[in-house]
């Protein structure tokens, strides 16, 4: 089998696996509606005591009287066509409700991802290159504290100190206009990225130390190759594989973590929408957001798996050998 054909087969297998995973996930997400206690129709008429005829009419209107598999098939057809159903709470299309909140969450995730890449990877590199020094020990102490700090604790501390006491940043809302939105998103992004930055720092430091101990690195240094050149061409390049993999997977899972941060800072995003929908039992919106989160995780995982051989050719060589 030629290398090009092997790569094509690998891509096709990965795409087939991704499609299968999304199909199974969609079934589980849809089934969650029936795992919730009570009658779904009763959630639509909270605060009233409807008669049997009214309940039957609501079930017919929303398709609750159809067989389970038929309902799932109709829902899946709608999802494929971009129709995620209608929100019980907002009385709008679910896609419109989510789309109106998505830009704020994407901005929050984007700024957090930038902070993770700069501070997480940068701190890990510095710690590895100065392993055992006071700088390294200080960084590891901060990493330990950051990894143990939940997002809501970081949010409360940042709001209290930098927002309320010092007044440097706003503590509630999304802001209006580009600069004001960026100003509003700084504290939530820091709160969201603290734990993830600590994890990326640990992974980066560990990967760099593993590469620094390789025989070919010691040989290159002994031959007089400048240390900076060895770090860039041999150490950092070979360590990028696990760093990119972990960073991408952490960022893809941030959409769930935004629920805590957005609620703490009063932001109107997908995360706070998820909390509100769970509280109000708006199953259609909850299903759509959960499916969106899983789809993002699966797609990012597939992309990382496909890009990995380009980052580290040793991965492709190992796959060919197998």
C-alpha atoms as a PDB file:
ATOM      1  CA  UNK A   1       0.000   0.000   0.000  1.00  0.00           C
ATOM      2  CA  UNK A   2       1.413   3.359  -1.038  1.00  0.00           C
ATOM      3  CA  UNK A   3       1.822   6.101   1.591  1.00  0.00           C
ATOM      4  CA  UNK A   4      -0.844   8.254  -0.126  1.00  0.00           C
ATOM      5  CA  UNK A   5      -3.343   5.403  -0.137  1.00  0.00           C
ATOM      6  CA  UNK A   6      -2.536   4.632   3.496  1.00  0.00           C
ATOM      7  CA  UNK A   7      -3.199   8.258   4.459  1.00  0.00           C
ATOM      8  CA  UNK A   8      -6.477   8.249   2.513  1.00  0.00           C
ATOM      9  CA  UNK A   9      -7.603   5.062   4.258  1.00  0.00           C
ATOM     10  CA  UNK A  10      -6.661   6.559   7.597  1.00  0.00           C
ATOM     11  CA  UNK A  11      -8.739   9.662   6.894  1.00  0.00           C
ATOM     12  CA  UNK A  12     -11.730   7.593   5.763  1.00  0.00           C
ATOM     13  CA  UNK A  13     -11.542   5.367   8.835  1.00  0.00           C
ATOM     14  CA  UNK A  14     -11.351   8.392  11.072  1.00  0.00           C
ATOM     15  CA  UNK A  15     -14.317  10.074   9.383  1.00  0.00           C
ATOM     16  CA  UNK A  16     -16.361   6.867   9.606  1.00  0.00           C
ATOM     17  CA  UNK A  17     -15.513   6.537  13.299  1.00  0.00           C
ATOM     18  CA  UNK A  18     -16.451  10.175  13.880  1.00  0.00           C
ATOM     19  CA  UNK A  19     -19.804   9.718  12.141  1.00  0.00           C
ATOM     20  CA  UNK A  20     -20.523   6.571  14.159  1.00  0.00           C
ATOM     21  CA  UNK A  21     -19.637   8.300  17.416  1.00  0.00           C
ATOM     22  CA  UNK A  22     -21.894  11.247  16.627  1.00  0.00           C
ATOM     23  CA  UNK A  23     -24.757   8.910  15.717  1.00  0.00           C
ATOM     24  CA  UNK A  24     -24.483   6.981  18.979  1.00  0.00           C
ATOM     25  CA  UNK A  25     -24.158  10.232  20.908  1.00  0.00           C
ATOM     26  CA  UNK A  26     -27.253  11.670  19.245  1.00  0.00           C
ATOM     27  CA  UNK A  27     -29.245   8.608  20.298  1.00  0.00           C
ATOM     28  CA  UNK A  28     -28.052   8.880  23.893  1.00  0.00           C
ATOM     29  CA  UNK A  29     -28.721  12.618  24.008  1.00  0.00           C
ATOM     30  CA  UNK A  30     -32.239  12.172  22.657  1.00  0.00           C
ATOM     31  CA  UNK A  31     -32.900   9.293  25.061  1.00  0.00           C
ATOM     32  CA  UNK A  32     -32.015  11.524  28.008  1.00  0.00           C
ATOM     33  CA  UNK A  33     -35.405  13.222  27.638  1.00  0.00           C
ATOM     34  CA  UNK A  34     -37.126   9.987  28.618  1.00  0.00           C
ATOM     35  CA  UNK A  35     -34.776   9.346  31.539  1.00  0.00           C
ATOM     36  CA  UNK A  36     -35.924  12.525  33.280  1.00  0.00           C
ATOM     37  CA  UNK A  37     -38.630  11.959  35.895  1.00  0.00           C
ATOM     38  CA  UNK A  38     -42.184  12.948  35.062  1.00  0.00           C
ATOM     39  CA  UNK A  39     -44.156  13.547  31.887  1.00  0.00           C
ATOM     40  CA  UNK A  40     -42.469  15.948  29.403  1.00  0.00           C
ATOM     41  CA  UNK A  41     -45.873  17.407  28.560  1.00  0.00           C
ATOM     42  CA  UNK A  42     -46.410  18.451  32.163  1.00  0.00           C
ATOM     43  CA  UNK A  43     -43.307  20.683  32.017  1.00  0.00           C
ATOM     44  CA  UNK A  44     -44.939  22.780  29.298  1.00  0.00           C
ATOM     45  CA  UNK A  45     -47.911  23.701  31.475  1.00  0.00           C
ATOM     46  CA  UNK A  46     -46.213  24.303  34.814  1.00  0.00           C
ATOM     47  CA  UNK A  47     -48.406  26.009  37.374  1.00  0.00           C
ATOM     48  CA  UNK A  48     -51.653  24.704  35.904  1.00  0.00           C
ATOM     49  CA  UNK A  49     -53.784  21.613  36.425  1.00  0.00           C
ATOM     50  CA  UNK A  50     -54.741  20.511  32.895  1.00  0.00           C
ATOM     51  CA  UNK A  51     -57.320  17.889  32.132  1.00  0.00           C
ATOM     52  CA  UNK A  52     -56.642  14.681  30.233  1.00  0.00           C
ATOM     53  CA  UNK A  53     -57.790  16.171  26.930  1.00  0.00           C
ATOM     54  CA  UNK A  54     -55.426  19.147  27.211  1.00  0.00           C
ATOM     55  CA  UNK A  55     -52.501  16.866  28.054  1.00  0.00           C
ATOM     56  CA  UNK A  56     -53.360  14.646  25.104  1.00  0.00           C
ATOM     57  CA  UNK A  57     -53.485  17.674  22.792  1.00  0.00           C
ATOM     58  CA  UNK A  58     -50.043  18.849  23.979  1.00  0.00           C
ATOM     59  CA  UNK A  59     -48.604  15.382  23.466  1.00  0.00           C
ATOM     60  CA  UNK A  60     -49.934  15.316  19.912  1.00  0.00           C
ATOM     61  CA  UNK A  61     -48.634  18.849  19.235  1.00  0.00           C
ATOM     62  CA  UNK A  62     -45.077  18.035  20.311  1.00  0.00           C
ATOM     63  CA  UNK A  63     -45.099  14.452  19.082  1.00  0.00           C
ATOM     64  CA  UNK A  64     -44.916  12.884  22.550  1.00  0.00           C
ATOM     65  CA  UNK A  65     -47.541  10.321  21.528  1.00  0.00           C
ATOM     66  CA  UNK A  66     -45.340   8.869  18.754  1.00  0.00           C
ATOM     67  CA  UNK A  67     -43.203   5.738  19.251  1.00  0.00           C
ATOM     68  CA  UNK A  68     -39.745   6.416  20.633  1.00  0.00           C
ATOM     69  CA  UNK A  69     -37.756   5.328  17.567  1.00  0.00           C
ATOM     70  CA  UNK A  70     -40.014   7.310  15.233  1.00  0.00           C
ATOM     71  CA  UNK A  71     -39.575  10.420  17.347  1.00  0.00           C
ATOM     72  CA  UNK A  72     -35.809   9.911  17.332  1.00  0.00           C
ATOM     73  CA  UNK A  73     -35.784   9.515  13.557  1.00  0.00           C
ATOM     74  CA  UNK A  74     -37.765  12.717  13.054  1.00  0.00           C
ATOM     75  CA  UNK A  75     -35.494  14.573  15.491  1.00  0.00           C
ATOM     76  CA  UNK A  76     -32.362  13.247  13.773  1.00  0.00           C
ATOM     77  CA  UNK A  77     -33.675  14.320  10.371  1.00  0.00           C
ATOM     78  CA  UNK A  78     -34.217  17.800  11.749  1.00  0.00           C
ATOM     79  CA  UNK A  79     -30.734  17.934  13.290  1.00  0.00           C
ATOM     80  CA  UNK A  80     -29.118  16.953   9.966  1.00  0.00           C
ATOM     81  CA  UNK A  81     -31.083  19.753   8.278  1.00  0.00           C
ATOM     82  CA  UNK A  82     -30.197  22.267  10.987  1.00  0.00           C
ATOM     83  CA  UNK A  83     -33.571  22.105  12.764  1.00  0.00           C
ATOM     84  CA  UNK A  84     -32.886  21.477  16.460  1.00  0.00           C
ATOM     85  CA  UNK A  85     -36.491  21.820  17.557  1.00  0.00           C
ATOM     86  CA  UNK A  86     -38.334  24.582  19.382  1.00  0.00           C
ATOM     87  CA  UNK A  87     -37.478  25.897  22.816  1.00  0.00           C
ATOM     88  CA  UNK A  88     -40.182  25.370  25.419  1.00  0.00           C
ATOM     89  CA  UNK A  89     -38.869  28.319  27.442  1.00  0.00           C
ATOM     90  CA  UNK A  90     -38.142  30.958  24.781  1.00  0.00           C
ATOM     91  CA  UNK A  91     -40.780  29.818  22.227  1.00  0.00           C
ATOM     92  CA  UNK A  92     -38.184  30.179  19.464  1.00  0.00           C
ATOM     93  CA  UNK A  93     -36.191  27.824  17.296  1.00  0.00           C
ATOM     94  CA  UNK A  94     -33.420  26.255  19.359  1.00  0.00           C
ATOM     95  CA  UNK A  95     -30.849  27.066  16.681  1.00  0.00           C
ATOM     96  CA  UNK A  96     -31.773  30.772  16.890  1.00  0.00           C
ATOM     97  CA  UNK A  97     -31.548  30.760  20.685  1.00  0.00           C
ATOM     98  CA  UNK A  98     -28.129  29.118  20.668  1.00  0.00           C
ATOM     99  CA  UNK A  99     -26.825  31.198  17.768  1.00  0.00           C
ATOM    100  CA  UNK A 100     -27.649  34.429  19.582  1.00  0.00           C
ATOM    101  CA  UNK A 101     -25.554  33.281  22.569  1.00  0.00           C
ATOM    102  CA  UNK A 102     -22.724  31.555  20.709  1.00  0.00           C
ATOM    103  CA  UNK A 103     -20.548  34.600  19.793  1.00  0.00           C
ATOM    104  CA  UNK A 104     -20.079  35.557  23.461  1.00  0.00           C
ATOM    105  CA  UNK A 105     -19.031  32.017  24.383  1.00  0.00           C
ATOM    106  CA  UNK A 106     -16.696  31.734  21.390  1.00  0.00           C
ATOM    107  CA  UNK A 107     -15.030  35.024  22.337  1.00  0.00           C
ATOM    108  CA  UNK A 108     -14.590  33.782  25.902  1.00  0.00           C
ATOM    109  CA  UNK A 109     -13.146  30.455  24.711  1.00  0.00           C
ATOM    110  CA  UNK A 110     -10.901  32.155  22.158  1.00  0.00           C
ATOM    111  CA  UNK A 111      -9.365  34.550  24.687  1.00  0.00           C
ATOM    112  CA  UNK A 112      -8.968  31.702  27.197  1.00  0.00           C
ATOM    113  CA  UNK A 113      -7.312  29.501  24.575  1.00  0.00           C
ATOM    114  CA  UNK A 114      -4.857  32.302  23.774  1.00  0.00           C
ATOM    115  CA  UNK A 115      -4.012  32.635  27.469  1.00  0.00           C
ATOM    116  CA  UNK A 116      -3.512  28.870  27.762  1.00  0.00           C
ATOM    117  CA  UNK A 117      -1.218  28.776  24.729  1.00  0.00           C
ATOM    118  CA  UNK A 118       0.896  31.735  25.822  1.00  0.00           C
ATOM    119  CA  UNK A 119       1.161  31.134  29.560  1.00  0.00           C
ATOM    120  CA  UNK A 120       0.706  27.355  29.692  1.00  0.00           C
ATOM    121  CA  UNK A 121       3.125  26.379  26.946  1.00  0.00           C
ATOM    122  CA  UNK A 122       5.490  29.237  27.759  1.00  0.00           C
ATOM    123  CA  UNK A 123       5.675  28.351  31.470  1.00  0.00           C
ATOM    124  CA  UNK A 124       6.181  24.679  30.641  1.00  0.00           C
ATOM    125  CA  UNK A 125       9.099  25.469  28.349  1.00  0.00           C
ATOM    126  CA  UNK A 126      10.718  27.757  30.905  1.00  0.00           C
ATOM    127  CA  UNK A 127      10.269  25.163  33.655  1.00  0.00           C
ATOM    128  CA  UNK A 128      11.826  22.403  31.547  1.00  0.00           C
ATOM    129  CA  UNK A 129      14.794  24.497  30.450  1.00  0.00           C
ATOM    130  CA  UNK A 130      15.439  25.551  34.060  1.00  0.00           C
ATOM    131  CA  UNK A 131      14.568  22.245  35.668  1.00  0.00           C
ATOM    132  CA  UNK A 132      15.402  22.127  39.377  1.00  0.00           C
ATOM    133  CA  UNK A 133      16.008  25.861  39.653  1.00  0.00           C
ATOM    134  CA  UNK A 134      14.148  28.292  41.868  1.00  0.00           C
ATOM    135  CA  UNK A 135      12.192  29.471  38.849  1.00  0.00           C
ATOM    136  CA  UNK A 136      11.085  25.933  38.092  1.00  0.00           C
ATOM    137  CA  UNK A 137      10.040  25.290  41.696  1.00  0.00           C
ATOM    138  CA  UNK A 138       8.081  28.555  41.799  1.00  0.00           C
ATOM    139  CA  UNK A 139       6.305  27.695  38.573  1.00  0.00           C
ATOM    140  CA  UNK A 140       5.415  24.209  39.827  1.00  0.00           C
ATOM    141  CA  UNK A 141       4.029  25.717  43.023  1.00  0.00           C
ATOM    142  CA  UNK A 142       1.808  28.052  41.009  1.00  0.00           C
ATOM    143  CA  UNK A 143       0.791  25.163  38.758  1.00  0.00           C
ATOM    144  CA  UNK A 144      -0.215  23.057  41.749  1.00  0.00           C
ATOM    145  CA  UNK A 145      -2.325  25.884  43.155  1.00  0.00           C
ATOM    146  CA  UNK A 146      -3.868  26.620  39.750  1.00  0.00           C
ATOM    147  CA  UNK A 147      -4.735  22.982  39.070  1.00  0.00           C
ATOM    148  CA  UNK A 148      -6.469  22.719  42.444  1.00  0.00           C
ATOM    149  CA  UNK A 149      -8.464  25.950  42.066  1.00  0.00           C
ATOM    150  CA  UNK A 150     -12.000  25.377  40.705  1.00  0.00           C
ATOM    151  CA  UNK A 151     -13.263  27.842  38.142  1.00  0.00           C
ATOM    152  CA  UNK A 152     -15.915  29.283  40.450  1.00  0.00           C
ATOM    153  CA  UNK A 153     -13.325  29.966  43.182  1.00  0.00           C
ATOM    154  CA  UNK A 154     -11.079  31.749  40.694  1.00  0.00           C
ATOM    155  CA  UNK A 155     -14.099  33.711  39.447  1.00  0.00           C
ATOM    156  CA  UNK A 156     -15.054  34.865  42.946  1.00  0.00           C
ATOM    157  CA  UNK A 157     -11.485  35.911  43.789  1.00  0.00           C
ATOM    158  CA  UNK A 158     -11.016  37.794  40.523  1.00  0.00           C
ATOM    159  CA  UNK A 159     -14.353  39.585  40.886  1.00  0.00           C
ATOM    160  CA  UNK A 160     -13.623  40.548  44.478  1.00  0.00           C
ATOM    161  CA  UNK A 161     -10.045  41.755  44.010  1.00  0.00           C
ATOM    162  CA  UNK A 162      -9.625  43.012  40.430  1.00  0.00           C
ATOM    163  CA  UNK A 163     -13.245  43.897  39.805  1.00  0.00           C
ATOM    164  CA  UNK A 164     -14.792  45.244  42.997  1.00  0.00           C
ATOM    165  CA  UNK A 165     -11.841  46.330  45.143  1.00  0.00           C
ATOM    166  CA  UNK A 166      -9.493  47.682  42.479  1.00  0.00           C
ATOM    167  CA  UNK A 167     -12.103  48.429  39.826  1.00  0.00           C
ATOM    168  CA  UNK A 168      -9.846  47.491  36.937  1.00  0.00           C
ATOM    169  CA  UNK A 169     -12.358  45.299  35.116  1.00  0.00           C
ATOM    170  CA  UNK A 170     -16.164  45.074  34.895  1.00  0.00           C
ATOM    171  CA  UNK A 171     -17.662  42.179  36.819  1.00  0.00           C
ATOM    172  CA  UNK A 172     -20.972  41.566  35.060  1.00  0.00           C
ATOM    173  CA  UNK A 173     -22.388  41.508  31.547  1.00  0.00           C
ATOM    174  CA  UNK A 174     -21.039  41.053  28.021  1.00  0.00           C
ATOM    175  CA  UNK A 175     -20.288  44.647  27.142  1.00  0.00           C
ATOM    176  CA  UNK A 176     -21.056  46.447  23.881  1.00  0.00           C
ATOM    177  CA  UNK A 177     -18.638  47.169  21.081  1.00  0.00           C
ATOM    178  CA  UNK A 178     -15.396  45.369  20.327  1.00  0.00           C
ATOM    179  CA  UNK A 179     -13.143  46.981  22.935  1.00  0.00           C
ATOM    180  CA  UNK A 180     -15.786  46.918  25.661  1.00  0.00           C
ATOM    181  CA  UNK A 181     -16.479  43.229  25.002  1.00  0.00           C
ATOM    182  CA  UNK A 182     -12.777  42.453  25.287  1.00  0.00           C
ATOM    183  CA  UNK A 183     -12.626  44.433  28.526  1.00  0.00           C
ATOM    184  CA  UNK A 184     -15.563  42.479  29.931  1.00  0.00           C
ATOM    185  CA  UNK A 185     -14.183  39.097  28.889  1.00  0.00           C
ATOM    186  CA  UNK A 186     -10.741  39.425  30.522  1.00  0.00           C
ATOM    187  CA  UNK A 187     -11.695  38.309  34.038  1.00  0.00           C
ATOM    188  CA  UNK A 188     -13.968  35.450  32.874  1.00  0.00           C
ATOM    189  CA  UNK A 189     -11.237  34.241  30.508  1.00  0.00           C
ATOM    190  CA  UNK A 190      -8.658  34.227  33.303  1.00  0.00           C
ATOM    191  CA  UNK A 191     -11.031  32.331  35.598  1.00  0.00           C
ATOM    192  CA  UNK A 192     -11.788  29.818  32.855  1.00  0.00           C
ATOM    193  CA  UNK A 193      -8.169  29.272  31.830  1.00  0.00           C
ATOM    194  CA  UNK A 194      -6.483  28.931  35.249  1.00  0.00           C
ATOM    195  CA  UNK A 195      -6.918  25.177  35.638  1.00  0.00           C
ATOM    196  CA  UNK A 196      -6.343  24.438  31.949  1.00  0.00           C
ATOM    197  CA  UNK A 197      -3.172  26.545  31.914  1.00  0.00           C
ATOM    198  CA  UNK A 198      -1.811  24.560  34.856  1.00  0.00           C
ATOM    199  CA  UNK A 199      -2.494  21.258  33.071  1.00  0.00           C
ATOM    200  CA  UNK A 200      -0.884  22.431  29.829  1.00  0.00           C
ATOM    201  CA  UNK A 201       2.140  23.675  31.776  1.00  0.00           C
ATOM    202  CA  UNK A 202       2.637  20.256  33.332  1.00  0.00           C
ATOM    203  CA  UNK A 203       2.270  18.441  30.003  1.00  0.00           C
ATOM    204  CA  UNK A 204       4.629  20.854  28.236  1.00  0.00           C
ATOM    205  CA  UNK A 205       7.267  20.608  30.935  1.00  0.00           C
ATOM    206  CA  UNK A 206       7.087  16.810  31.000  1.00  0.00           C
ATOM    207  CA  UNK A 207       7.259  16.501  27.198  1.00  0.00           C
ATOM    208  CA  UNK A 208      10.196  18.907  26.994  1.00  0.00           C
ATOM    209  CA  UNK A 209      12.119  17.091  29.727  1.00  0.00           C
ATOM    210  CA  UNK A 210      11.579  13.748  27.958  1.00  0.00           C
ATOM    211  CA  UNK A 211      13.010  15.161  24.751  1.00  0.00           C
ATOM    212  CA  UNK A 212      15.907  16.875  26.527  1.00  0.00           C
ATOM    213  CA  UNK A 213      17.006  13.479  27.888  1.00  0.00           C
ATOM    214  CA  UNK A 214      17.133  11.863  24.436  1.00  0.00           C
ATOM    215  CA  UNK A 215      20.472  10.580  23.228  1.00  0.00           C
ATOM    216  CA  UNK A 216      20.398  12.513  19.963  1.00  0.00           C
ATOM    217  CA  UNK A 217      19.961  15.780  21.880  1.00  0.00           C
ATOM    218  CA  UNK A 218      23.017  15.068  24.027  1.00  0.00           C
ATOM    219  CA  UNK A 219      24.996  14.089  20.926  1.00  0.00           C
ATOM    220  CA  UNK A 220      24.027  17.296  19.128  1.00  0.00           C
ATOM    221  CA  UNK A 221      25.060  19.395  22.134  1.00  0.00           C
ATOM    222  CA  UNK A 222      28.350  17.517  22.483  1.00  0.00           C
ATOM    223  CA  UNK A 223      29.177  18.257  18.842  1.00  0.00           C
ATOM    224  CA  UNK A 224      28.960  21.963  19.500  1.00  0.00           C
ATOM    225  CA  UNK A 225      25.529  22.647  18.017  1.00  0.00           C
ATOM    226  CA  UNK A 226      24.146  25.816  19.624  1.00  0.00           C
ATOM    227  CA  UNK A 227      21.742  24.987  22.443  1.00  0.00           C
ATOM    228  CA  UNK A 228      19.076  27.280  21.019  1.00  0.00           C
ATOM    229  CA  UNK A 229      19.176  25.449  17.698  1.00  0.00           C
ATOM    230  CA  UNK A 230      18.909  22.070  19.399  1.00  0.00           C
ATOM    231  CA  UNK A 231      15.962  23.243  21.483  1.00  0.00           C
ATOM    232  CA  UNK A 232      14.089  24.584  18.476  1.00  0.00           C
ATOM    233  CA  UNK A 233      14.800  21.818  15.945  1.00  0.00           C
ATOM    234  CA  UNK A 234      14.908  18.707  18.102  1.00  0.00           C
ATOM    235  CA  UNK A 235      13.378  19.264  21.522  1.00  0.00           C
ATOM    236  CA  UNK A 236      10.448  21.616  20.961  1.00  0.00           C
ATOM    237  CA  UNK A 237       9.464  20.172  17.604  1.00  0.00           C
ATOM    238  CA  UNK A 238       9.363  16.599  18.909  1.00  0.00           C
ATOM    239  CA  UNK A 239       7.524  17.659  22.064  1.00  0.00           C
ATOM    240  CA  UNK A 240       4.753  19.429  20.163  1.00  0.00           C
ATOM    241  CA  UNK A 241       2.775  16.207  19.648  1.00  0.00           C
ATOM    242  CA  UNK A 242       1.473  15.688  23.193  1.00  0.00           C
ATOM    243  CA  UNK A 243       1.328  19.446  23.809  1.00  0.00           C
ATOM    244  CA  UNK A 244      -0.961  20.099  20.832  1.00  0.00           C
ATOM    245  CA  UNK A 245      -3.076  17.022  21.576  1.00  0.00           C
ATOM    246  CA  UNK A 246      -3.757  17.920  25.203  1.00  0.00           C
ATOM    247  CA  UNK A 247      -4.240  21.624  24.478  1.00  0.00           C
ATOM    248  CA  UNK A 248      -6.734  20.989  21.684  1.00  0.00           C
ATOM    249  CA  UNK A 249      -8.785  18.514  23.719  1.00  0.00           C
ATOM    250  CA  UNK A 250      -8.881  20.851  26.708  1.00  0.00           C
ATOM    251  CA  UNK A 251     -10.019  23.784  24.580  1.00  0.00           C
ATOM    252  CA  UNK A 252     -12.705  21.659  22.874  1.00  0.00           C
ATOM    253  CA  UNK A 253     -14.157  20.815  26.284  1.00  0.00           C
ATOM    254  CA  UNK A 254     -14.280  24.427  27.436  1.00  0.00           C
ATOM    255  CA  UNK A 255     -17.847  24.928  26.258  1.00  0.00           C
ATOM    256  CA  UNK A 256     -19.111  23.014  29.291  1.00  0.00           C
ATOM    257  CA  UNK A 257     -16.815  24.884  31.673  1.00  0.00           C
ATOM    258  CA  UNK A 258     -18.177  28.207  30.457  1.00  0.00           C
ATOM    259  CA  UNK A 259     -21.416  27.418  32.315  1.00  0.00           C
ATOM    260  CA  UNK A 260     -19.797  28.177  35.678  1.00  0.00           C
ATOM    261  CA  UNK A 261     -17.846  31.225  34.562  1.00  0.00           C
ATOM    262  CA  UNK A 262     -20.620  32.829  32.544  1.00  0.00           C
ATOM    263  CA  UNK A 263     -23.055  32.394  35.429  1.00  0.00           C
ATOM    264  CA  UNK A 264     -20.577  33.883  37.906  1.00  0.00           C
ATOM    265  CA  UNK A 265     -19.988  36.962  35.730  1.00  0.00           C
ATOM    266  CA  UNK A 266     -23.563  37.360  34.491  1.00  0.00           C
ATOM    267  CA  UNK A 267     -22.605  36.758  30.865  1.00  0.00           C
ATOM    268  CA  UNK A 268     -25.182  35.826  28.259  1.00  0.00           C
ATOM    269  CA  UNK A 269     -23.570  32.854  26.548  1.00  0.00           C
ATOM    270  CA  UNK A 270     -24.163  29.210  25.749  1.00  0.00           C
ATOM    271  CA  UNK A 271     -22.887  28.124  29.157  1.00  0.00           C
ATOM    272  CA  UNK A 272     -25.338  30.259  31.098  1.00  0.00           C
ATOM    273  CA  UNK A 273     -28.043  29.196  28.644  1.00  0.00           C
ATOM    274  CA  UNK A 274     -27.321  25.567  29.527  1.00  0.00           C
ATOM    275  CA  UNK A 275     -27.689  26.292  33.240  1.00  0.00           C
ATOM    276  CA  UNK A 276     -30.929  28.195  32.653  1.00  0.00           C
ATOM    277  CA  UNK A 277     -32.342  25.472  30.398  1.00  0.00           C
ATOM    278  CA  UNK A 278     -31.529  22.711  32.883  1.00  0.00           C
ATOM    279  CA  UNK A 279     -33.136  24.729  35.668  1.00  0.00           C
ATOM    280  CA  UNK A 280     -36.280  25.382  33.608  1.00  0.00           C
ATOM    281  CA  UNK A 281     -36.359  21.847  32.126  1.00  0.00           C
ATOM    282  CA  UNK A 282     -36.076  23.123  28.545  1.00  0.00           C
ATOM    283  CA  UNK A 283     -35.052  19.728  27.171  1.00  0.00           C
ATOM    284  CA  UNK A 284     -34.773  20.757  23.530  1.00  0.00           C
ATOM    285  CA  UNK A 285     -32.150  23.373  24.299  1.00  0.00           C
ATOM    286  CA  UNK A 286     -30.271  21.070  26.686  1.00  0.00           C
ATOM    287  CA  UNK A 287     -30.178  18.314  24.059  1.00  0.00           C
ATOM    288  CA  UNK A 288     -28.882  20.707  21.411  1.00  0.00           C
ATOM    289  CA  UNK A 289     -26.118  22.143  23.604  1.00  0.00           C
ATOM    290  CA  UNK A 290     -24.966  18.713  24.788  1.00  0.00           C
ATOM    291  CA  UNK A 291     -24.883  17.496  21.192  1.00  0.00           C
ATOM    292  CA  UNK A 292     -22.929  20.611  20.189  1.00  0.00           C
ATOM    293  CA  UNK A 293     -20.355  20.026  22.944  1.00  0.00           C
ATOM    294  CA  UNK A 294     -19.886  16.361  22.039  1.00  0.00           C
ATOM    295  CA  UNK A 295     -19.660  17.181  18.336  1.00  0.00           C
ATOM    296  CA  UNK A 296     -16.978  19.797  19.007  1.00  0.00           C
ATOM    297  CA  UNK A 297     -14.995  17.329  21.113  1.00  0.00           C
ATOM    298  CA  UNK A 298     -15.262  14.544  18.519  1.00  0.00           C
ATOM    299  CA  UNK A 299     -14.351  16.807  15.598  1.00  0.00           C
ATOM    300  CA  UNK A 300     -11.353  18.312  17.397  1.00  0.00           C
ATOM    301  CA  UNK A 301     -10.195  14.848  18.445  1.00  0.00           C
ATOM    302  CA  UNK A 302     -10.415  13.655  14.835  1.00  0.00           C
ATOM    303  CA  UNK A 303      -8.540  16.711  13.538  1.00  0.00           C
ATOM    304  CA  UNK A 304      -5.797  16.238  16.134  1.00  0.00           C
ATOM    305  CA  UNK A 305      -5.458  12.598  15.137  1.00  0.00           C
ATOM    306  CA  UNK A 306      -5.119  13.582  11.485  1.00  0.00           C
ATOM    307  CA  UNK A 307      -2.683  16.440  12.131  1.00  0.00           C
ATOM    308  CA  UNK A 308      -0.541  14.456  14.568  1.00  0.00           C
ATOM    309  CA  UNK A 309       1.563  12.735  11.857  1.00  0.00           C
ATOM    310  CA  UNK A 310       2.336  16.142  10.335  1.00  0.00           C
ATOM    311  CA  UNK A 311       3.546  17.456  13.682  1.00  0.00           C
ATOM    312  CA  UNK A 312       5.489  14.336  14.640  1.00  0.00           C
ATOM    313  CA  UNK A 313       6.475  12.100  11.664  1.00  0.00           C
ATOM    314  CA  UNK A 314       7.386   9.339  14.121  1.00  0.00           C
ATOM    315  CA  UNK A 315       3.652   8.825  14.698  1.00  0.00           C
ATOM    316  CA  UNK A 316       3.061   8.125  11.015  1.00  0.00           C
ATOM    317  CA  UNK A 317       6.053   5.789  10.921  1.00  0.00           C
ATOM    318  CA  UNK A 318       4.756   3.870  13.917  1.00  0.00           C
ATOM    319  CA  UNK A 319       1.303   3.614  12.325  1.00  0.00           C
ATOM    320  CA  UNK A 320       2.787   2.305   9.067  1.00  0.00           C
ATOM    321  CA  UNK A 321       4.826  -0.256  10.969  1.00  0.00           C
ATOM    322  CA  UNK A 322       1.718  -1.503  12.755  1.00  0.00           C
END
